[in-house]
Amino acid sequence: MKVFYSRVSTTDQNISRQMDNLNGFDYVFTDYCSGSIDIWERRKGSQIKKLIDNNQLK
C-alpha cells in the first residue's frame, strides 16, 4: 500500500503542486496544521496511524 501525505500550515496555502502525479497511491491525506505538531496528533496523521495499527498498511 502506498500513502501520500502532505501538510500545509493554513487553509490559505495552495496545495495543488503537492497534489500533482498521485497515480499509484492507495491513500492521499492532507493536513492543515503547524509543522510543530507531532504527526500522530494531526487529524490525518492519526488516521494513518490507525491504518498502521490495524495492519492495513504494509
N, C-alpha and C. Protein backbone atom coordinates (compact mmCIF):
# COMPACT_ATOMS: atom_id res chain seq x y z
N MET A 1 0.83 -1.18 0.00
CA MET A 1 0.00 0.00 0.00
C MET A 1 0.87 1.24 0.00
N LYS A 2 0.48 2.20 -0.79
CA LYS A 2 1.23 3.45 -0.85
C LYS A 2 0.36 4.59 -0.33
N VAL A 3 0.95 5.38 0.56
CA VAL A 3 0.26 6.51 1.17
C VAL A 3 1.00 7.78 0.80
N PHE A 4 0.25 8.78 0.38
CA PHE A 4 0.81 10.11 0.14
C PHE A 4 0.27 11.02 1.23
N TYR A 5 1.17 11.71 1.93
CA TYR A 5 0.78 12.62 3.00
C TYR A 5 1.36 13.99 2.72
N SER A 6 0.52 15.00 2.75
CA SER A 6 1.02 16.37 2.61
C SER A 6 0.48 17.20 3.77
N ARG A 7 1.24 18.25 4.07
CA ARG A 7 0.84 19.14 5.14
C ARG A 7 1.18 20.57 4.76
N VAL A 8 0.24 21.46 5.02
CA VAL A 8 0.49 22.89 4.93
C VAL A 8 -0.01 23.52 6.21
N SER A 9 0.47 24.72 6.49
CA SER A 9 0.16 25.34 7.77
C SER A 9 -1.25 25.92 7.84
N THR A 10 -1.74 26.47 6.74
CA THR A 10 -3.06 27.12 6.77
C THR A 10 -3.87 26.72 5.54
N THR A 11 -5.17 26.90 5.64
CA THR A 11 -6.05 26.62 4.50
C THR A 11 -5.87 27.64 3.39
N ASP A 12 -5.20 28.75 3.69
CA ASP A 12 -4.93 29.76 2.66
C ASP A 12 -3.81 29.34 1.71
N GLN A 13 -3.01 28.37 2.12
CA GLN A 13 -1.91 27.92 1.28
C GLN A 13 -2.41 26.98 0.19
N ASN A 14 -1.78 27.07 -0.96
CA ASN A 14 -2.17 26.28 -2.12
C ASN A 14 -1.43 24.95 -2.12
N ILE A 15 -2.18 23.86 -2.15
CA ILE A 15 -1.57 22.53 -2.12
C ILE A 15 -1.54 21.87 -3.51
N SER A 16 -1.95 22.60 -4.53
CA SER A 16 -2.09 21.97 -5.85
C SER A 16 -0.80 21.37 -6.37
N ARG A 17 0.36 21.99 -6.12
CA ARG A 17 1.62 21.40 -6.59
C ARG A 17 1.92 20.08 -5.90
N GLN A 18 1.51 19.97 -4.64
CA GLN A 18 1.75 18.73 -3.92
C GLN A 18 0.83 17.61 -4.41
N MET A 19 -0.27 17.98 -5.03
CA MET A 19 -1.27 17.00 -5.45
C MET A 19 -1.08 16.53 -6.89
N ASP A 20 -0.04 16.98 -7.56
CA ASP A 20 0.24 16.52 -8.93
C ASP A 20 0.81 15.11 -8.91
N ASN A 21 0.47 14.34 -9.91
CA ASN A 21 1.04 13.00 -10.12
C ASN A 21 0.87 12.07 -8.92
N LEU A 22 -0.34 11.86 -8.52
CA LEU A 22 -0.61 10.97 -7.39
C LEU A 22 -1.05 9.59 -7.85
N ASN A 23 -0.79 9.26 -9.09
CA ASN A 23 -1.13 7.93 -9.60
C ASN A 23 -0.37 6.87 -8.82
N GLY A 24 -1.06 5.82 -8.48
CA GLY A 24 -0.43 4.70 -7.81
C GLY A 24 -0.54 4.73 -6.30
N PHE A 25 -1.04 5.82 -5.74
CA PHE A 25 -1.21 5.89 -4.29
C PHE A 25 -2.58 5.34 -3.90
N ASP A 26 -2.61 4.55 -2.85
CA ASP A 26 -3.85 3.97 -2.36
C ASP A 26 -4.61 4.94 -1.46
N TYR A 27 -3.86 5.77 -0.75
CA TYR A 27 -4.46 6.76 0.13
C TYR A 27 -3.76 8.10 -0.07
N VAL A 28 -4.53 9.18 -0.02
CA VAL A 28 -3.98 10.53 -0.09
C VAL A 28 -4.55 11.31 1.09
N PHE A 29 -3.66 11.84 1.92
CA PHE A 29 -4.07 12.59 3.11
C PHE A 29 -3.44 13.98 3.07
N THR A 30 -4.19 14.98 3.51
CA THR A 30 -3.68 16.33 3.62
C THR A 30 -4.09 16.92 4.97
N ASP A 31 -3.10 17.43 5.68
CA ASP A 31 -3.36 18.13 6.94
C ASP A 31 -3.09 19.61 6.77
N TYR A 32 -3.86 20.40 7.47
CA TYR A 32 -3.67 21.85 7.53
C TYR A 32 -3.39 22.19 8.99
N CYS A 33 -2.10 22.21 9.34
CA CYS A 33 -1.73 22.47 10.73
C CYS A 33 -0.25 22.84 10.79
N SER A 34 0.17 23.27 11.96
CA SER A 34 1.56 23.62 12.19
C SER A 34 2.46 22.39 12.07
N GLY A 35 3.62 22.59 11.51
CA GLY A 35 4.59 21.51 11.41
C GLY A 35 5.16 21.10 12.76
N SER A 36 4.94 21.92 13.78
CA SER A 36 5.46 21.59 15.11
C SER A 36 4.59 20.57 15.84
N ILE A 37 3.41 20.28 15.30
CA ILE A 37 2.52 19.28 15.89
C ILE A 37 2.99 17.89 15.45
N ASP A 38 3.14 16.99 16.40
CA ASP A 38 3.56 15.62 16.12
C ASP A 38 2.61 15.00 15.08
N ILE A 39 3.15 14.26 14.14
CA ILE A 39 2.34 13.71 13.05
C ILE A 39 1.18 12.87 13.56
N TRP A 40 1.38 12.10 14.62
CA TRP A 40 0.31 11.24 15.11
C TRP A 40 -0.78 12.03 15.84
N GLU A 41 -0.52 13.28 16.17
CA GLU A 41 -1.52 14.14 16.80
C GLU A 41 -2.31 14.96 15.78
N ARG A 42 -1.88 14.92 14.55
CA ARG A 42 -2.60 15.64 13.48
C ARG A 42 -3.81 14.82 13.06
N ARG A 43 -4.82 15.50 12.52
CA ARG A 43 -6.07 14.83 12.14
C ARG A 43 -5.83 13.67 11.17
N LYS A 44 -5.18 13.95 10.07
CA LYS A 44 -4.94 12.89 9.07
C LYS A 44 -3.81 11.96 9.47
N GLY A 45 -2.85 12.50 10.21
CA GLY A 45 -1.76 11.67 10.71
C GLY A 45 -2.28 10.57 11.62
N SER A 46 -3.28 10.89 12.42
CA SER A 46 -3.85 9.87 13.31
C SER A 46 -4.61 8.81 12.51
N GLN A 47 -5.18 9.20 11.36
CA GLN A 47 -5.83 8.21 10.51
C GLN A 47 -4.81 7.25 9.91
N ILE A 48 -3.65 7.77 9.54
CA ILE A 48 -2.58 6.92 9.02
C ILE A 48 -2.12 5.95 10.11
N LYS A 49 -1.99 6.44 11.33
CA LYS A 49 -1.59 5.60 12.47
C LYS A 49 -2.59 4.47 12.67
N LYS A 50 -3.89 4.77 12.54
CA LYS A 50 -4.90 3.73 12.68
C LYS A 50 -4.75 2.66 11.60
N LEU A 51 -4.45 3.08 10.37
CA LEU A 51 -4.22 2.10 9.29
C LEU A 51 -3.03 1.21 9.61
N ILE A 52 -1.98 1.81 10.15
CA ILE A 52 -0.79 1.04 10.52
C ILE A 52 -1.12 0.08 11.65
N ASP A 53 -1.79 0.59 12.70
CA ASP A 53 -2.12 -0.24 13.85
C ASP A 53 -3.05 -1.40 13.50
N ASN A 54 -3.90 -1.21 12.49
CA ASN A 54 -4.82 -2.26 12.06
C ASN A 54 -4.24 -3.14 10.96
N ASN A 55 -2.93 -3.02 10.74
CA ASN A 55 -2.21 -3.81 9.72
C ASN A 55 -2.80 -3.64 8.32
N GLN A 56 -3.33 -2.47 8.03
CA GLN A 56 -3.87 -2.22 6.70
C GLN A 56 -2.81 -1.62 5.77
N LEU A 57 -1.68 -1.19 6.33
CA LEU A 57 -0.58 -0.68 5.53
C LEU A 57 0.60 -1.61 5.70
N LYS A 58 1.17 -2.01 4.60
CA LYS A 58 2.34 -2.90 4.66
C LYS A 58 3.37 -2.42 3.69
